[in-house]
Amino acid sequence: MAPPYCENLVVLVPVAPGLGDDDDTRERFADKTMGLLERLVGEPIGEYTVSRTIFSQRDFRSRFNA
């Protein structure tokens, strides 16, 4: 799925049900997650990110009725 010489990275972040799931909240959670991941691995991953997809609670509801 990744372009040549690139990698895919999937990060699952469990969140409590009932939290806000507006676009701003989704982006904030994704940014915090990326920041934590960069600190853990010691590499500026976000700097090399070509595409980012956020799949959250509202996506599960709309796509899977779950």
N, C-alpha and C. Protein backbone atom coordinates (compact mmCIF):
# COMPACT_ATOMS: atom_id res chain seq x y z
N MET A 1 0.80 -1.18 0.00
CA MET A 1 0.00 0.00 0.00
C MET A 1 0.86 1.26 0.00
N ALA A 2 2.03 1.18 0.56
CA ALA A 2 2.90 2.37 0.61
C ALA A 2 3.61 2.55 -0.73
N PRO A 3 3.91 3.79 -1.08
CA PRO A 3 4.70 4.03 -2.30
C PRO A 3 6.08 3.39 -2.17
N PRO A 4 6.77 3.22 -3.28
CA PRO A 4 8.11 2.64 -3.22
C PRO A 4 9.02 3.39 -2.23
N TYR A 5 9.81 2.64 -1.49
CA TYR A 5 10.78 3.17 -0.51
C TYR A 5 10.11 3.87 0.67
N CYS A 6 8.83 3.61 0.88
CA CYS A 6 8.09 4.20 2.00
C CYS A 6 7.52 3.08 2.86
N GLU A 7 6.96 3.45 3.98
CA GLU A 7 6.37 2.49 4.91
C GLU A 7 4.98 2.93 5.30
N ASN A 8 4.15 1.95 5.70
CA ASN A 8 2.85 2.23 6.30
C ASN A 8 3.00 2.15 7.81
N LEU A 9 2.26 2.97 8.49
CA LEU A 9 2.24 2.93 9.94
C LEU A 9 0.79 3.08 10.40
N VAL A 10 0.33 2.13 11.19
CA VAL A 10 -1.01 2.19 11.74
C VAL A 10 -0.86 2.27 13.25
N VAL A 11 -1.49 3.27 13.85
CA VAL A 11 -1.42 3.46 15.29
C VAL A 11 -2.84 3.38 15.84
N LEU A 12 -3.09 2.43 16.72
CA LEU A 12 -4.40 2.30 17.35
C LEU A 12 -4.35 2.98 18.71
N VAL A 13 -5.29 3.87 18.93
CA VAL A 13 -5.33 4.61 20.19
C VAL A 13 -6.71 4.39 20.83
N PRO A 14 -6.77 3.63 21.92
CA PRO A 14 -8.06 3.42 22.57
C PRO A 14 -8.52 4.71 23.26
N VAL A 15 -9.77 5.05 23.06
CA VAL A 15 -10.35 6.23 23.71
C VAL A 15 -11.65 5.83 24.37
N ALA A 16 -12.01 6.57 25.38
CA ALA A 16 -13.24 6.29 26.12
C ALA A 16 -14.46 6.63 25.26
N PRO A 17 -15.52 5.85 25.36
CA PRO A 17 -16.74 6.18 24.62
C PRO A 17 -17.34 7.47 25.16
N GLY A 18 -18.01 8.19 24.28
CA GLY A 18 -18.69 9.41 24.72
C GLY A 18 -17.85 10.67 24.64
N LEU A 19 -16.57 10.55 24.26
CA LEU A 19 -15.75 11.74 24.10
C LEU A 19 -16.19 12.48 22.85
N GLY A 20 -15.91 13.76 22.80
CA GLY A 20 -16.23 14.53 21.60
C GLY A 20 -15.49 13.95 20.40
N ASP A 21 -16.13 13.98 19.24
CA ASP A 21 -15.52 13.42 18.04
C ASP A 21 -15.66 14.40 16.88
N ASP A 22 -15.49 15.67 17.17
CA ASP A 22 -15.51 16.67 16.11
C ASP A 22 -14.14 16.72 15.45
N ASP A 23 -14.03 17.41 14.34
CA ASP A 23 -12.77 17.45 13.59
C ASP A 23 -11.61 17.99 14.40
N ASP A 24 -11.85 19.03 15.20
CA ASP A 24 -10.77 19.60 16.02
C ASP A 24 -10.26 18.59 17.05
N THR A 25 -11.17 17.87 17.69
CA THR A 25 -10.77 16.87 18.69
C THR A 25 -9.98 15.75 18.04
N ARG A 26 -10.42 15.30 16.88
CA ARG A 26 -9.71 14.24 16.16
C ARG A 26 -8.29 14.68 15.83
N GLU A 27 -8.14 15.88 15.31
CA GLU A 27 -6.81 16.38 14.95
C GLU A 27 -5.92 16.54 16.18
N ARG A 28 -6.50 17.03 17.27
CA ARG A 28 -5.72 17.20 18.50
C ARG A 28 -5.20 15.86 19.01
N PHE A 29 -6.07 14.84 19.04
CA PHE A 29 -5.65 13.51 19.47
C PHE A 29 -4.57 12.96 18.54
N ALA A 30 -4.74 13.12 17.24
CA ALA A 30 -3.76 12.62 16.28
C ALA A 30 -2.42 13.32 16.45
N ASP A 31 -2.44 14.64 16.65
CA ASP A 31 -1.19 15.40 16.85
C ASP A 31 -0.49 14.98 18.14
N LYS A 32 -1.26 14.80 19.20
CA LYS A 32 -0.67 14.36 20.47
C LYS A 32 -0.06 12.97 20.33
N THR A 33 -0.77 12.09 19.64
CA THR A 33 -0.28 10.72 19.43
C THR A 33 1.02 10.74 18.63
N MET A 34 1.06 11.54 17.57
CA MET A 34 2.26 11.62 16.73
C MET A 34 3.43 12.19 17.55
N GLY A 35 3.16 13.20 18.36
CA GLY A 35 4.21 13.78 19.20
C GLY A 35 4.78 12.76 20.17
N LEU A 36 3.90 11.99 20.79
CA LEU A 36 4.36 10.95 21.72
C LEU A 36 5.18 9.89 20.99
N LEU A 37 4.70 9.47 19.84
CA LEU A 37 5.41 8.47 19.06
C LEU A 37 6.79 8.97 18.64
N GLU A 38 6.87 10.22 18.22
CA GLU A 38 8.17 10.80 17.84
C GLU A 38 9.13 10.84 19.02
N ARG A 39 8.62 11.18 20.20
CA ARG A 39 9.49 11.20 21.38
C ARG A 39 9.96 9.78 21.73
N LEU A 40 9.08 8.80 21.58
CA LEU A 40 9.45 7.42 21.93
C LEU A 40 10.50 6.85 20.99
N VAL A 41 10.38 7.12 19.69
CA VAL A 41 11.33 6.55 18.74
C VAL A 41 12.50 7.47 18.43
N GLY A 42 12.40 8.73 18.81
CA GLY A 42 13.49 9.67 18.59
C GLY A 42 13.66 10.10 17.15
N GLU A 43 12.60 10.02 16.36
CA GLU A 43 12.64 10.41 14.94
C GLU A 43 11.49 11.35 14.64
N PRO A 44 11.70 12.32 13.75
CA PRO A 44 10.63 13.26 13.39
C PRO A 44 9.68 12.67 12.34
N ILE A 45 8.87 11.71 12.75
CA ILE A 45 8.00 10.99 11.83
C ILE A 45 7.04 11.92 11.09
N GLY A 46 6.45 12.86 11.80
CA GLY A 46 5.48 13.76 11.19
C GLY A 46 6.04 14.54 10.03
N GLU A 47 7.31 14.84 10.09
CA GLU A 47 7.99 15.59 9.04
C GLU A 47 7.98 14.83 7.70
N TYR A 48 7.91 13.51 7.78
CA TYR A 48 7.96 12.67 6.59
C TYR A 48 6.60 12.09 6.22
N THR A 49 5.57 12.46 6.93
CA THR A 49 4.24 11.92 6.67
C THR A 49 3.69 12.49 5.37
N VAL A 50 3.27 11.59 4.49
CA VAL A 50 2.71 11.99 3.21
C VAL A 50 1.19 12.04 3.28
N SER A 51 0.60 11.11 4.01
CA SER A 51 -0.85 11.03 4.11
C SER A 51 -1.22 10.57 5.52
N ARG A 52 -2.32 11.10 6.03
CA ARG A 52 -2.78 10.70 7.37
C ARG A 52 -4.29 10.53 7.31
N THR A 53 -4.76 9.39 7.78
CA THR A 53 -6.19 9.11 7.85
C THR A 53 -6.54 8.86 9.31
N ILE A 54 -7.56 9.53 9.77
CA ILE A 54 -8.03 9.36 11.14
C ILE A 54 -9.37 8.64 11.07
N PHE A 55 -9.45 7.49 11.70
CA PHE A 55 -10.67 6.69 11.74
C PHE A 55 -11.08 6.63 13.20
N SER A 56 -12.21 7.23 13.53
CA SER A 56 -12.57 7.34 14.94
C SER A 56 -13.98 6.80 15.20
N GLN A 57 -14.48 7.11 16.39
CA GLN A 57 -15.77 6.57 16.83
C GLN A 57 -16.89 6.87 15.84
N ARG A 58 -16.93 8.07 15.32
CA ARG A 58 -18.03 8.39 14.40
C ARG A 58 -17.91 7.60 13.10
N ASP A 59 -16.69 7.24 12.71
CA ASP A 59 -16.51 6.40 11.52
C ASP A 59 -17.01 4.98 11.78
N PHE A 60 -16.72 4.44 12.96
CA PHE A 60 -17.24 3.12 13.31
C PHE A 60 -18.77 3.13 13.31
N ARG A 61 -19.36 4.19 13.85
CA ARG A 61 -20.83 4.29 13.87
C ARG A 61 -21.41 4.33 12.46
N SER A 62 -20.85 5.18 11.62
CA SER A 62 -21.41 5.37 10.28
C SER A 62 -21.14 4.17 9.36
N ARG A 63 -19.99 3.56 9.48
CA ARG A 63 -19.64 2.47 8.56
C ARG A 63 -20.10 1.10 9.03
N PHE A 64 -20.04 0.88 10.35
CA PHE A 64 -20.33 -0.45 10.87
C PHE A 64 -21.52 -0.49 11.82
N ASN A 65 -22.16 0.66 12.04
CA ASN A 65 -23.28 0.74 12.98
C ASN A 65 -22.87 0.18 14.34
N ALA A 66 -21.64 0.46 14.73
CA ALA A 66 -21.10 -0.08 15.99
C ALA A 66 -20.67 1.07 16.89
